[in-house]
């Protein structure tokens, strides 16, 4: 992550390049970045406030243990959408809102459900 590169002094910044407000960590990218927050809100995926400060691995484990397979499927697709959106922003300059990411996730899952 950018934080690791910053720690190793490979780069001089460690903030999220999309929102400019948080350290570029997995926790920030998938949970705390404004794009991620908007995506989760639009998909009606919530977790307890106590989860806000857990590390990424523990957060994933807790989520998978406490939700149905249908919600977990949407959650994983959203993680993929958030990551893809971030990569497109960094490498291609394409900016997507959380609503657009959520719409992509919803449409993609509907398309998968329609396959035979």
PDB file of N, CA and C in Angstrom:
ATOM      1  N   UNK A   1       0.838  -1.185   0.000  1.00  0.00           N
ATOM      2  CA  UNK A   1       0.000   0.000   0.000  1.00  0.00           C
ATOM      3  C   UNK A   1       0.881   1.246   0.000  1.00  0.00           C
ATOM      4  N   UNK A   2       0.268   2.360  -0.227  1.00  0.00           N
ATOM      5  CA  UNK A   2       0.984   3.630  -0.231  1.00  0.00           C
ATOM      6  C   UNK A   2       1.645   3.867   1.121  1.00  0.00           C
ATOM      7  N   UNK A   3       0.997   3.479   2.203  1.00  0.00           N
ATOM      8  CA  UNK A   3       1.587   3.650   3.540  1.00  0.00           C
ATOM      9  C   UNK A   3       2.899   2.889   3.659  1.00  0.00           C
ATOM     10  N   UNK A   4       2.939   1.672   3.134  1.00  0.00           N
ATOM     11  CA  UNK A   4       4.180   0.898   3.174  1.00  0.00           C
ATOM     12  C   UNK A   4       5.273   1.566   2.355  1.00  0.00           C
ATOM     13  N   UNK A   5       4.933   2.071   1.171  1.00  0.00           N
ATOM     14  CA  UNK A   5       5.918   2.760   0.344  1.00  0.00           C
ATOM     15  C   UNK A   5       6.404   4.038   1.032  1.00  0.00           C
ATOM     16  N   UNK A   6       5.495   4.735   1.675  1.00  0.00           N
ATOM     17  CA  UNK A   6       5.867   5.945   2.415  1.00  0.00           C
ATOM     18  C   UNK A   6       6.791   5.584   3.581  1.00  0.00           C
ATOM     19  N   UNK A   7       6.469   4.525   4.299  1.00  0.00           N
ATOM     20  CA  UNK A   7       7.288   4.080   5.423  1.00  0.00           C
ATOM     21  C   UNK A   7       8.706   3.733   4.962  1.00  0.00           C
ATOM     22  N   UNK A   8       8.807   3.141   3.796  1.00  0.00           N
ATOM     23  CA  UNK A   8      10.117   2.764   3.244  1.00  0.00           C
ATOM     24  C   UNK A   8      10.799   3.931   2.535  1.00  0.00           C
ATOM     25  N   UNK A   9      10.158   5.083   2.559  1.00  0.00           N
ATOM     26  CA  UNK A   9      10.669   6.326   1.960  1.00  0.00           C
ATOM     27  C   UNK A   9      10.824   6.241   0.444  1.00  0.00           C
ATOM     28  N   UNK A  10       9.962   5.419  -0.175  1.00  0.00           N
ATOM     29  CA  UNK A  10       9.953   5.319  -1.628  1.00  0.00           C
ATOM     30  C   UNK A  10       9.159   6.470  -2.235  1.00  0.00           C
ATOM     31  N   UNK A  11       8.110   6.877  -1.529  1.00  0.00           N
ATOM     32  CA  UNK A  11       7.314   8.030  -1.947  1.00  0.00           C
ATOM     33  C   UNK A  11       7.161   8.971  -0.760  1.00  0.00           C
ATOM     34  N   UNK A  12       6.832  10.220  -1.051  1.00  0.00           N
ATOM     35  CA  UNK A  12       6.759  11.222   0.003  1.00  0.00           C
ATOM     36  C   UNK A  12       5.373  11.474   0.569  1.00  0.00           C
ATOM     37  N   UNK A  13       4.335  10.865   0.018  1.00  0.00           N
ATOM     38  CA  UNK A  13       2.982  11.099   0.512  1.00  0.00           C
ATOM     39  C   UNK A  13       2.342   9.777   0.904  1.00  0.00           C
ATOM     40  N   UNK A  14       1.399   9.849   1.809  1.00  0.00           N
ATOM     41  CA  UNK A  14       0.720   8.625   2.235  1.00  0.00           C
ATOM     42  C   UNK A  14      -0.779   8.833   2.362  1.00  0.00           C
ATOM     43  N   UNK A  15      -1.299   9.868   1.738  1.00  0.00           N
ATOM     44  CA  UNK A  15      -2.736  10.120   1.816  1.00  0.00           C
ATOM     45  C   UNK A  15      -3.438   9.558   0.588  1.00  0.00           C
ATOM     46  N   UNK A  16      -4.703   9.305   0.756  1.00  0.00           N
ATOM     47  CA  UNK A  16      -5.550   8.814  -0.323  1.00  0.00           C
ATOM     48  C   UNK A  16      -5.596   9.869  -1.424  1.00  0.00           C
ATOM     49  N   UNK A  17      -5.292   9.464  -2.631  1.00  0.00           N
ATOM     50  CA  UNK A  17      -5.246  10.415  -3.737  1.00  0.00           C
ATOM     51  C   UNK A  17      -6.635  10.813  -4.216  1.00  0.00           C
ATOM     52  N   UNK A  18      -7.659  10.034  -3.872  1.00  0.00           N
ATOM     53  CA  UNK A  18      -9.018  10.394  -4.297  1.00  0.00           C
ATOM     54  C   UNK A  18      -9.649  11.402  -3.358  1.00  0.00           C
ATOM     55  N   UNK A  19      -9.614  11.130  -2.052  1.00  0.00           N
ATOM     56  CA  UNK A  19     -10.311  12.024  -1.117  1.00  0.00           C
ATOM     57  C   UNK A  19      -9.368  12.969  -0.383  1.00  0.00           C
ATOM     58  N   UNK A  20      -8.078  12.721  -0.462  1.00  0.00           N
ATOM     59  CA  UNK A  20      -7.052  13.563   0.167  1.00  0.00           C
ATOM     60  C   UNK A  20      -7.214  13.689   1.673  1.00  0.00           C
ATOM     61  N   UNK A  21      -7.890  12.718   2.304  1.00  0.00           N
ATOM     62  CA  UNK A  21      -8.171  12.909   3.725  1.00  0.00           C
ATOM     63  C   UNK A  21      -7.697  11.812   4.649  1.00  0.00           C
ATOM     64  N   UNK A  22      -7.235  10.706   4.142  1.00  0.00           N
ATOM     65  CA  UNK A  22      -6.848   9.630   5.043  1.00  0.00           C
ATOM     66  C   UNK A  22      -5.620   8.906   4.553  1.00  0.00           C
ATOM     67  N   UNK A  23      -5.020   8.163   5.439  1.00  0.00           N
ATOM     68  CA  UNK A  23      -3.869   7.352   5.066  1.00  0.00           C
ATOM     69  C   UNK A  23      -4.306   6.297   4.078  1.00  0.00           C
ATOM     70  N   UNK A  24      -3.495   6.046   3.089  1.00  0.00           N
ATOM     71  CA  UNK A  24      -3.826   5.077   2.061  1.00  0.00           C
ATOM     72  C   UNK A  24      -3.532   3.673   2.579  1.00  0.00           C
ATOM     73  N   UNK A  25      -4.513   3.118   3.286  1.00  0.00           N
ATOM     74  CA  UNK A  25      -4.434   1.765   3.811  1.00  0.00           C
ATOM     75  C   UNK A  25      -5.626   0.979   3.275  1.00  0.00           C
ATOM     76  N   UNK A  26      -5.609  -0.322   3.468  1.00  0.00           N
ATOM     77  CA  UNK A  26      -6.763  -1.134   3.063  1.00  0.00           C
ATOM     78  C   UNK A  26      -8.003  -0.706   3.826  1.00  0.00           C
ATOM     79  N   UNK A  27      -7.842  -0.418   5.106  1.00  0.00           N
ATOM     80  CA  UNK A  27      -8.986   0.033   5.915  1.00  0.00           C
ATOM     81  C   UNK A  27      -9.582   1.310   5.334  1.00  0.00           C
ATOM     82  N   UNK A  28      -8.711   2.241   4.945  1.00  0.00           N
ATOM     83  CA  UNK A  28      -9.218   3.497   4.387  1.00  0.00           C
ATOM     84  C   UNK A  28      -9.879   3.255   3.035  1.00  0.00           C
ATOM     85  N   UNK A  29      -9.195   2.556   2.150  1.00  0.00           N
ATOM     86  CA  UNK A  29      -9.718   2.327   0.802  1.00  0.00           C
ATOM     87  C   UNK A  29     -11.090   1.682   0.814  1.00  0.00           C
ATOM     88  N   UNK A  30     -11.260   0.638   1.615  1.00  0.00           N
ATOM     89  CA  UNK A  30     -12.498  -0.136   1.570  1.00  0.00           C
ATOM     90  C   UNK A  30     -13.544   0.251   2.601  1.00  0.00           C
ATOM     91  N   UNK A  31     -13.189   1.050   3.591  1.00  0.00           N
ATOM     92  CA  UNK A  31     -14.140   1.336   4.663  1.00  0.00           C
ATOM     93  C   UNK A  31     -14.295   2.818   4.957  1.00  0.00           C
ATOM     94  N   UNK A  32     -13.207   3.592   4.961  1.00  0.00           N
ATOM     95  CA  UNK A  32     -13.273   4.960   5.458  1.00  0.00           C
ATOM     96  C   UNK A  32     -13.247   6.043   4.392  1.00  0.00           C
ATOM     97  N   UNK A  33     -12.819   5.726   3.190  1.00  0.00           N
ATOM     98  CA  UNK A  33     -12.785   6.707   2.110  1.00  0.00           C
ATOM     99  C   UNK A  33     -14.223   7.121   1.782  1.00  0.00           C
ATOM    100  N   UNK A  34     -14.407   8.365   1.427  1.00  0.00           N
ATOM    101  CA  UNK A  34     -15.765   8.857   1.142  1.00  0.00           C
ATOM    102  C   UNK A  34     -16.425   8.067   0.013  1.00  0.00           C
ATOM    103  N   UNK A  35     -15.656   7.617  -0.969  1.00  0.00           N
ATOM    104  CA  UNK A  35     -16.216   6.818  -2.066  1.00  0.00           C
ATOM    105  C   UNK A  35     -16.732   5.487  -1.521  1.00  0.00           C
ATOM    106  N   UNK A  36     -15.942   4.843  -0.666  1.00  0.00           N
ATOM    107  CA  UNK A  36     -16.363   3.566  -0.074  1.00  0.00           C
ATOM    108  C   UNK A  36     -17.602   3.753   0.797  1.00  0.00           C
ATOM    109  N   UNK A  37     -17.602   4.785   1.626  1.00  0.00           N
ATOM    110  CA  UNK A  37     -18.753   5.036   2.499  1.00  0.00           C
ATOM    111  C   UNK A  37     -20.029   5.221   1.686  1.00  0.00           C
ATOM    112  N   UNK A  38     -19.931   5.987   0.595  1.00  0.00           N
ATOM    113  CA  UNK A  38     -21.103   6.201  -0.251  1.00  0.00           C
ATOM    114  C   UNK A  38     -21.541   4.900  -0.918  1.00  0.00           C
ATOM    115  N   UNK A  39     -20.576   4.092  -1.346  1.00  0.00           N
ATOM    116  CA  UNK A  39     -20.896   2.800  -1.971  1.00  0.00           C
ATOM    117  C   UNK A  39     -21.659   1.917  -0.994  1.00  0.00           C
ATOM    118  N   UNK A  40     -21.128   1.763   0.228  1.00  0.00           N
ATOM    119  CA  UNK A  40     -21.789   0.919   1.227  1.00  0.00           C
ATOM    120  C   UNK A  40     -23.175   1.447   1.553  1.00  0.00           C
ATOM    121  N   UNK A  41     -23.303   2.752   1.665  1.00  0.00           N
ATOM    122  CA  UNK A  41     -24.610   3.345   1.985  1.00  0.00           C
ATOM    123  C   UNK A  41     -25.626   3.048   0.885  1.00  0.00           C
ATOM    124  N   UNK A  42     -25.219   3.213  -0.361  1.00  0.00           N
ATOM    125  CA  UNK A  42     -26.122   2.951  -1.488  1.00  0.00           C
ATOM    126  C   UNK A  42     -26.516   1.480  -1.601  1.00  0.00           C
ATOM    127  N   UNK A  43     -25.628   0.587  -1.162  1.00  0.00           N
ATOM    128  CA  UNK A  43     -25.923  -0.851  -1.202  1.00  0.00           C
ATOM    129  C   UNK A  43     -26.625  -1.340   0.064  1.00  0.00           C
ATOM    130  N   UNK A  44     -26.885  -0.433   0.991  1.00  0.00           N
ATOM    131  CA  UNK A  44     -27.521  -0.749   2.276  1.00  0.00           C
ATOM    132  C   UNK A  44     -26.731  -1.795   3.062  1.00  0.00           C
ATOM    133  N   UNK A  45     -25.419  -1.700   3.003  1.00  0.00           N
ATOM    134  CA  UNK A  45     -24.554  -2.578   3.779  1.00  0.00           C
ATOM    135  C   UNK A  45     -23.986  -1.759   4.930  1.00  0.00           C
ATOM    136  N   UNK A  46     -24.288  -2.223   6.135  1.00  0.00           N
ATOM    137  CA  UNK A  46     -23.824  -1.504   7.331  1.00  0.00           C
ATOM    138  C   UNK A  46     -23.140  -2.486   8.274  1.00  0.00           C
ATOM    139  N   UNK A  47     -22.347  -1.950   9.165  1.00  0.00           N
ATOM    140  CA  UNK A  47     -21.713  -2.742  10.212  1.00  0.00           C
ATOM    141  C   UNK A  47     -21.694  -1.895  11.469  1.00  0.00           C
ATOM    142  N   UNK A  48     -21.539  -2.528  12.608  1.00  0.00           N
ATOM    143  CA  UNK A  48     -21.555  -1.789  13.873  1.00  0.00           C
ATOM    144  C   UNK A  48     -20.440  -0.744  13.935  1.00  0.00           C
ATOM    145  N   UNK A  49     -20.690   0.326  14.661  1.00  0.00           N
ATOM    146  CA  UNK A  49     -19.691   1.375  14.829  1.00  0.00           C
ATOM    147  C   UNK A  49     -18.407   0.823  15.452  1.00  0.00           C
ATOM    148  N   UNK A  50     -18.531  -0.224  16.243  1.00  0.00           N
ATOM    149  CA  UNK A  50     -17.354  -0.823  16.874  1.00  0.00           C
ATOM    150  C   UNK A  50     -16.389  -1.414  15.842  1.00  0.00           C
ATOM    151  N   UNK A  51     -16.877  -1.676  14.636  1.00  0.00           N
ATOM    152  CA  UNK A  51     -16.045  -2.253  13.574  1.00  0.00           C
ATOM    153  C   UNK A  51     -15.192  -1.202  12.863  1.00  0.00           C
ATOM    154  N   UNK A  52     -15.474   0.076  13.083  1.00  0.00           N
ATOM    155  CA  UNK A  52     -14.803   1.139  12.343  1.00  0.00           C
ATOM    156  C   UNK A  52     -13.300   1.179  12.556  1.00  0.00           C
ATOM    157  N   UNK A  53     -12.824   0.667  13.662  1.00  0.00           N
ATOM    158  CA  UNK A  53     -11.398   0.760  13.954  1.00  0.00           C
ATOM    159  C   UNK A  53     -10.701  -0.599  13.995  1.00  0.00           C
ATOM    160  N   UNK A  54     -11.383  -1.646  13.537  1.00  0.00           N
ATOM    161  CA  UNK A  54     -10.746  -2.962  13.493  1.00  0.00           C
ATOM    162  C   UNK A  54      -9.865  -3.042  12.253  1.00  0.00           C
ATOM    163  N   UNK A  55      -8.872  -3.907  12.294  1.00  0.00           N
ATOM    164  CA  UNK A  55      -8.009  -4.042  11.114  1.00  0.00           C
ATOM    165  C   UNK A  55      -8.787  -4.722   9.997  1.00  0.00           C
ATOM    166  N   UNK A  56      -8.249  -4.626   8.804  1.00  0.00           N
ATOM    167  CA  UNK A  56      -8.948  -5.085   7.609  1.00  0.00           C
ATOM    168  C   UNK A  56      -9.315  -6.567   7.670  1.00  0.00           C
ATOM    169  N   UNK A  57      -8.375  -7.404   8.051  1.00  0.00           N
ATOM    170  CA  UNK A  57      -8.614  -8.845   8.093  1.00  0.00           C
ATOM    171  C   UNK A  57      -9.708  -9.202   9.096  1.00  0.00           C
ATOM    172  N   UNK A  58      -9.657  -8.615  10.263  1.00  0.00           N
ATOM    173  CA  UNK A  58     -10.671  -8.873  11.289  1.00  0.00           C
ATOM    174  C   UNK A  58     -12.038  -8.365  10.835  1.00  0.00           C
ATOM    175  N   UNK A  59     -12.048  -7.218  10.183  1.00  0.00           N
ATOM    176  CA  UNK A  59     -13.287  -6.634   9.662  1.00  0.00           C
ATOM    177  C   UNK A  59     -13.937  -7.589   8.658  1.00  0.00           C
ATOM    178  N   UNK A  60     -13.132  -8.124   7.717  1.00  0.00           N
ATOM    179  CA  UNK A  60     -13.663  -9.082   6.744  1.00  0.00           C
ATOM    180  C   UNK A  60     -14.216 -10.321   7.431  1.00  0.00           C
ATOM    181  N   UNK A  61     -13.433 -10.865   8.349  1.00  0.00           N
ATOM    182  CA  UNK A  61     -13.844 -12.074   9.071  1.00  0.00           C
ATOM    183  C   UNK A  61     -15.173 -11.850   9.790  1.00  0.00           C
ATOM    184  N   UNK A  62     -15.280 -10.750  10.506  1.00  0.00           N
ATOM    185  CA  UNK A  62     -16.515 -10.437  11.236  1.00  0.00           C
ATOM    186  C   UNK A  62     -17.700 -10.286  10.287  1.00  0.00           C
ATOM    187  N   UNK A  63     -17.465  -9.636   9.155  1.00  0.00           N
ATOM    188  CA  UNK A  63     -18.559  -9.433   8.207  1.00  0.00           C
ATOM    189  C   UNK A  63     -19.056 -10.763   7.655  1.00  0.00           C
ATOM    190  N   UNK A  64     -18.134 -11.617   7.207  1.00  0.00           N
ATOM    191  CA  UNK A  64     -18.525 -12.903   6.625  1.00  0.00           C
ATOM    192  C   UNK A  64     -19.210 -13.814   7.632  1.00  0.00           C
ATOM    193  N   UNK A  65     -18.811 -13.733   8.872  1.00  0.00           N
ATOM    194  CA  UNK A  65     -19.417 -14.582   9.903  1.00  0.00           C
ATOM    195  C   UNK A  65     -20.819 -14.121  10.297  1.00  0.00           C
ATOM    196  N   UNK A  66     -21.147 -12.887  10.041  1.00  0.00           N
ATOM    197  CA  UNK A  66     -22.417 -12.362  10.546  1.00  0.00           C
ATOM    198  C   UNK A  66     -23.446 -12.026   9.460  1.00  0.00           C
ATOM    199  N   UNK A  67     -23.174 -12.381   8.192  1.00  0.00           N
ATOM    200  CA  UNK A  67     -24.113 -12.053   7.116  1.00  0.00           C
ATOM    201  C   UNK A  67     -24.390 -13.271   6.238  1.00  0.00           C
ATOM    202  N   UNK A  68     -25.494 -13.196   5.532  1.00  0.00           N
ATOM    203  CA  UNK A  68     -25.898 -14.286   4.634  1.00  0.00           C
ATOM    204  C   UNK A  68     -24.985 -14.342   3.413  1.00  0.00           C
ATOM    205  N   UNK A  69     -25.061 -15.434   2.700  1.00  0.00           N
ATOM    206  CA  UNK A  69     -24.261 -15.621   1.489  1.00  0.00           C
ATOM    207  C   UNK A  69     -24.622 -14.581   0.434  1.00  0.00           C
ATOM    208  N   UNK A  70     -25.861 -14.188   0.363  1.00  0.00           N
ATOM    209  CA  UNK A  70     -26.304 -13.186  -0.622  1.00  0.00           C
ATOM    210  C   UNK A  70     -25.652 -11.838  -0.324  1.00  0.00           C
ATOM    211  N   UNK A  71     -25.663 -11.435   0.928  1.00  0.00           N
ATOM    212  CA  UNK A  71     -25.048 -10.164   1.316  1.00  0.00           C
ATOM    213  C   UNK A  71     -23.533 -10.243   1.152  1.00  0.00           C
ATOM    214  N   UNK A  72     -22.932 -11.372   1.504  1.00  0.00           N
ATOM    215  CA  UNK A  72     -21.479 -11.542   1.352  1.00  0.00           C
ATOM    216  C   UNK A  72     -21.074 -11.462  -0.114  1.00  0.00           C
ATOM    217  N   UNK A  73     -21.903 -12.001  -0.985  1.00  0.00           N
ATOM    218  CA  UNK A  73     -21.639 -11.932  -2.434  1.00  0.00           C
ATOM    219  C   UNK A  73     -21.626 -10.477  -2.898  1.00  0.00           C
ATOM    220  N   UNK A  74     -22.596  -9.699  -2.446  1.00  0.00           N
ATOM    221  CA  UNK A  74     -22.649  -8.286  -2.796  1.00  0.00           C
ATOM    222  C   UNK A  74     -21.445  -7.540  -2.205  1.00  0.00           C
ATOM    223  N   UNK A  75     -21.097  -7.883  -0.988  1.00  0.00           N
ATOM    224  CA  UNK A  75     -19.972  -7.263  -0.294  1.00  0.00           C
ATOM    225  C   UNK A  75     -18.665  -7.479  -1.068  1.00  0.00           C
ATOM    226  N   UNK A  76     -18.416  -8.712  -1.492  1.00  0.00           N
ATOM    227  CA  UNK A  76     -17.190  -9.021  -2.234  1.00  0.00           C
ATOM    228  C   UNK A  76     -17.180  -8.299  -3.578  1.00  0.00           C
ATOM    229  N   UNK A  77     -18.298  -8.266  -4.243  1.00  0.00           N
ATOM    230  CA  UNK A  77     -18.388  -7.557  -5.513  1.00  0.00           C
ATOM    231  C   UNK A  77     -18.140  -6.063  -5.306  1.00  0.00           C
ATOM    232  N   UNK A  78     -18.633  -5.516  -4.213  1.00  0.00           N
ATOM    233  CA  UNK A  78     -18.408  -4.097  -3.907  1.00  0.00           C
ATOM    234  C   UNK A  78     -16.935  -3.826  -3.615  1.00  0.00           C
ATOM    235  N   UNK A  79     -16.272  -4.732  -2.898  1.00  0.00           N
ATOM    236  CA  UNK A  79     -14.833  -4.573  -2.661  1.00  0.00           C
ATOM    237  C   UNK A  79     -14.096  -4.512  -3.997  1.00  0.00           C
ATOM    238  N   UNK A  80     -14.459  -5.403  -4.902  1.00  0.00           N
ATOM    239  CA  UNK A  80     -13.858  -5.422  -6.231  1.00  0.00           C
ATOM    240  C   UNK A  80     -14.145  -4.108  -6.976  1.00  0.00           C
ATOM    241  N   UNK A  81     -15.391  -3.639  -6.902  1.00  0.00           N
ATOM    242  CA  UNK A  81     -15.771  -2.395  -7.576  1.00  0.00           C
ATOM    243  C   UNK A  81     -15.031  -1.185  -7.016  1.00  0.00           C
ATOM    244  N   UNK A  82     -14.890  -1.130  -5.706  1.00  0.00           N
ATOM    245  CA  UNK A  82     -14.172  -0.022  -5.068  1.00  0.00           C
ATOM    246  C   UNK A  82     -12.705  -0.035  -5.492  1.00  0.00           C
ATOM    247  N   UNK A  83     -12.096  -1.198  -5.478  1.00  0.00           N
ATOM    248  CA  UNK A  83     -10.680  -1.325  -5.874  1.00  0.00           C
ATOM    249  C   UNK A  83     -10.486  -0.954  -7.347  1.00  0.00           C
ATOM    250  N   UNK A  84     -11.369  -1.453  -8.207  1.00  0.00           N
ATOM    251  CA  UNK A  84     -11.290  -1.141  -9.635  1.00  0.00           C
ATOM    252  C   UNK A  84     -11.466   0.351  -9.879  1.00  0.00           C
ATOM    253  N   UNK A  85     -12.411   0.946  -9.187  1.00  0.00           N
ATOM    254  CA  UNK A  85     -12.653   2.380  -9.316  1.00  0.00           C
ATOM    255  C   UNK A  85     -11.423   3.181  -8.908  1.00  0.00           C
ATOM    256  N   UNK A  86     -10.806   2.780  -7.817  1.00  0.00           N
ATOM    257  CA  UNK A  86      -9.599   3.460  -7.340  1.00  0.00           C
ATOM    258  C   UNK A  86      -8.460   3.310  -8.338  1.00  0.00           C
ATOM    259  N   UNK A  87      -8.277   2.116  -8.890  1.00  0.00           N
ATOM    260  CA  UNK A  87      -7.210   1.896  -9.877  1.00  0.00           C
ATOM    261  C   UNK A  87      -7.439   2.700 -11.145  1.00  0.00           C
ATOM    262  N   UNK A  88      -8.676   2.777 -11.583  1.00  0.00           N
ATOM    263  CA  UNK A  88      -8.981   3.584 -12.776  1.00  0.00           C
ATOM    264  C   UNK A  88      -8.733   5.065 -12.527  1.00  0.00           C
ATOM    265  N   UNK A  89      -8.998   5.507 -11.307  1.00  0.00           N
ATOM    266  CA  UNK A  89      -8.717   6.900 -10.971  1.00  0.00           C
ATOM    267  C   UNK A  89      -7.214   7.173 -11.033  1.00  0.00           C
ATOM    268  N   UNK A  90      -6.439   6.304 -10.425  1.00  0.00           N
ATOM    269  CA  UNK A  90      -4.987   6.501 -10.358  1.00  0.00           C
ATOM    270  C   UNK A  90      -4.334   6.352 -11.728  1.00  0.00           C
ATOM    271  N   UNK A  91      -4.720   5.335 -12.484  1.00  0.00           N
ATOM    272  CA  UNK A  91      -4.027   5.022 -13.728  1.00  0.00           C
ATOM    273  C   UNK A  91      -4.621   5.661 -14.972  1.00  0.00           C
ATOM    274  N   UNK A  92      -5.921   5.994 -14.926  1.00  0.00           N
ATOM    275  CA  UNK A  92      -6.577   6.540 -16.119  1.00  0.00           C
ATOM    276  C   UNK A  92      -7.230   7.895 -15.878  1.00  0.00           C
ATOM    277  N   UNK A  93      -7.254   8.353 -14.628  1.00  0.00           N
ATOM    278  CA  UNK A  93      -7.871   9.644 -14.321  1.00  0.00           C
ATOM    279  C   UNK A  93      -9.388   9.612 -14.303  1.00  0.00           C
ATOM    280  N   UNK A  94      -9.982   8.422 -14.332  1.00  0.00           N
ATOM    281  CA  UNK A  94     -11.446   8.287 -14.340  1.00  0.00           C
ATOM    282  C   UNK A  94     -11.972   8.345 -12.911  1.00  0.00           C
ATOM    283  N   UNK A  95     -12.863   9.269 -12.650  1.00  0.00           N
ATOM    284  CA  UNK A  95     -13.421   9.432 -11.309  1.00  0.00           C
ATOM    285  C   UNK A  95     -14.850   8.908 -11.281  1.00  0.00           C
ATOM    286  N   UNK A  96     -15.115   7.955 -10.392  1.00  0.00           N
ATOM    287  CA  UNK A  96     -16.467   7.421 -10.191  1.00  0.00           C
ATOM    288  C   UNK A  96     -16.899   7.731  -8.771  1.00  0.00           C
ATOM    289  N   UNK A  97     -18.144   8.067  -8.632  1.00  0.00           N
ATOM    290  CA  UNK A  97     -18.698   8.305  -7.301  1.00  0.00           C
ATOM    291  C   UNK A  97     -19.053   6.962  -6.662  1.00  0.00           C
ATOM    292  N   UNK A  98     -19.320   6.989  -5.380  1.00  0.00           N
ATOM    293  CA  UNK A  98     -19.772   5.787  -4.694  1.00  0.00           C
ATOM    294  C   UNK A  98     -21.082   5.277  -5.261  1.00  0.00           C
ATOM    295  N   UNK A  99     -21.951   6.196  -5.678  1.00  0.00           N
ATOM    296  CA  UNK A  99     -23.221   5.796  -6.293  1.00  0.00           C
ATOM    297  C   UNK A  99     -22.988   5.054  -7.595  1.00  0.00           C
ATOM    298  N   UNK A 100     -22.029   5.507  -8.370  1.00  0.00           N
ATOM    299  CA  UNK A 100     -21.721   4.823  -9.631  1.00  0.00           C
ATOM    300  C   UNK A 100     -21.128   3.445  -9.373  1.00  0.00           C
ATOM    301  N   UNK A 101     -20.293   3.329  -8.361  1.00  0.00           N
ATOM    302  CA  UNK A 101     -19.734   2.022  -8.006  1.00  0.00           C
ATOM    303  C   UNK A 101     -20.852   1.093  -7.553  1.00  0.00           C
ATOM    304  N   UNK A 102     -21.755   1.593  -6.719  1.00  0.00           N
ATOM    305  CA  UNK A 102     -22.883   0.785  -6.241  1.00  0.00           C
ATOM    306  C   UNK A 102     -23.773   0.350  -7.404  1.00  0.00           C
ATOM    307  N   UNK A 103     -24.015   1.247  -8.347  1.00  0.00           N
ATOM    308  CA  UNK A 103     -24.820   0.890  -9.523  1.00  0.00           C
ATOM    309  C   UNK A 103     -24.134  -0.195 -10.344  1.00  0.00           C
ATOM    310  N   UNK A 104     -22.809  -0.090 -10.490  1.00  0.00           N
ATOM    311  CA  UNK A 104     -22.051  -1.122 -11.201  1.00  0.00           C
ATOM    312  C   UNK A 104     -22.231  -2.475 -10.511  1.00  0.00           C
ATOM    313  N   UNK A 105     -22.093  -2.492  -9.197  1.00  0.00           N
ATOM    314  CA  UNK A 105     -22.207  -3.736  -8.423  1.00  0.00           C
ATOM    315  C   UNK A 105     -23.595  -4.337  -8.609  1.00  0.00           C
ATOM    316  N   UNK A 106     -24.617  -3.532  -8.467  1.00  0.00           N
ATOM    317  CA  UNK A 106     -25.995  -4.003  -8.605  1.00  0.00           C
ATOM    318  C   UNK A 106     -26.238  -4.562 -10.006  1.00  0.00           C
ATOM    319  N   UNK A 107     -25.809  -3.826 -11.025  1.00  0.00           N
ATOM    320  CA  UNK A 107     -26.007  -4.272 -12.407  1.00  0.00           C
ATOM    321  C   UNK A 107     -25.218  -5.544 -12.703  1.00  0.00           C
ATOM    322  N   UNK A 108     -24.012  -5.618 -12.193  1.00  0.00           N
ATOM    323  CA  UNK A 108     -23.180  -6.795 -12.425  1.00  0.00           C
ATOM    324  C   UNK A 108     -23.813  -8.036 -11.795  1.00  0.00           C
ATOM    325  N   UNK A 109     -24.298  -7.903 -10.572  1.00  0.00           N
ATOM    326  CA  UNK A 109     -24.943  -9.042  -9.902  1.00  0.00           C
ATOM    327  C   UNK A 109     -26.232  -9.450 -10.608  1.00  0.00           C
ATOM    328  N   UNK A 110     -26.999  -8.471 -11.107  1.00  0.00           N
ATOM    329  CA  UNK A 110     -28.209  -8.808 -11.877  1.00  0.00           C
ATOM    330  C   UNK A 110     -27.839  -9.549 -13.146  1.00  0.00           C
ATOM    331  N   UNK A 111     -26.755  -9.127 -13.799  1.00  0.00           N
ATOM    332  CA  UNK A 111     -26.309  -9.812 -15.004  1.00  0.00           C
ATOM    333  C   UNK A 111     -25.892 -11.255 -14.688  1.00  0.00           C
ATOM    334  N   UNK A 112     -25.162 -11.440 -13.599  1.00  0.00           N
ATOM    335  CA  UNK A 112     -24.765 -12.787 -13.198  1.00  0.00           C
ATOM    336  C   UNK A 112     -25.984 -13.663 -12.894  1.00  0.00           C
ATOM    337  N   UNK A 113     -26.977 -13.078 -12.222  1.00  0.00           N
ATOM    338  CA  UNK A 113     -28.178 -13.828 -11.894  1.00  0.00           C
ATOM    339  C   UNK A 113     -28.951 -14.239 -13.127  1.00  0.00           C
ATOM    340  N   UNK A 114     -28.802 -13.478 -14.211  1.00  0.00           N
ATOM    341  CA  UNK A 114     -29.522 -13.774 -15.435  1.00  0.00           C
ATOM    342  C   UNK A 114     -28.861 -14.817 -16.316  1.00  0.00           C
ATOM    343  N   UNK A 115     -27.632 -15.204 -15.970  1.00  0.00           N
ATOM    344  CA  UNK A 115     -26.935 -16.221 -16.757  1.00  0.00           C
ATOM    345  C   UNK A 115     -27.504 -17.609 -16.494  1.00  0.00           C
ATOM    346  N   UNK A 116     -27.527 -18.431 -17.496  1.00  0.00           N
ATOM    347  CA  UNK A 116     -28.007 -19.803 -17.318  1.00  0.00           C
ATOM    348  C   UNK A 116     -26.890 -20.781 -17.628  1.00  0.00           C
TER     349      UNK A 116
END
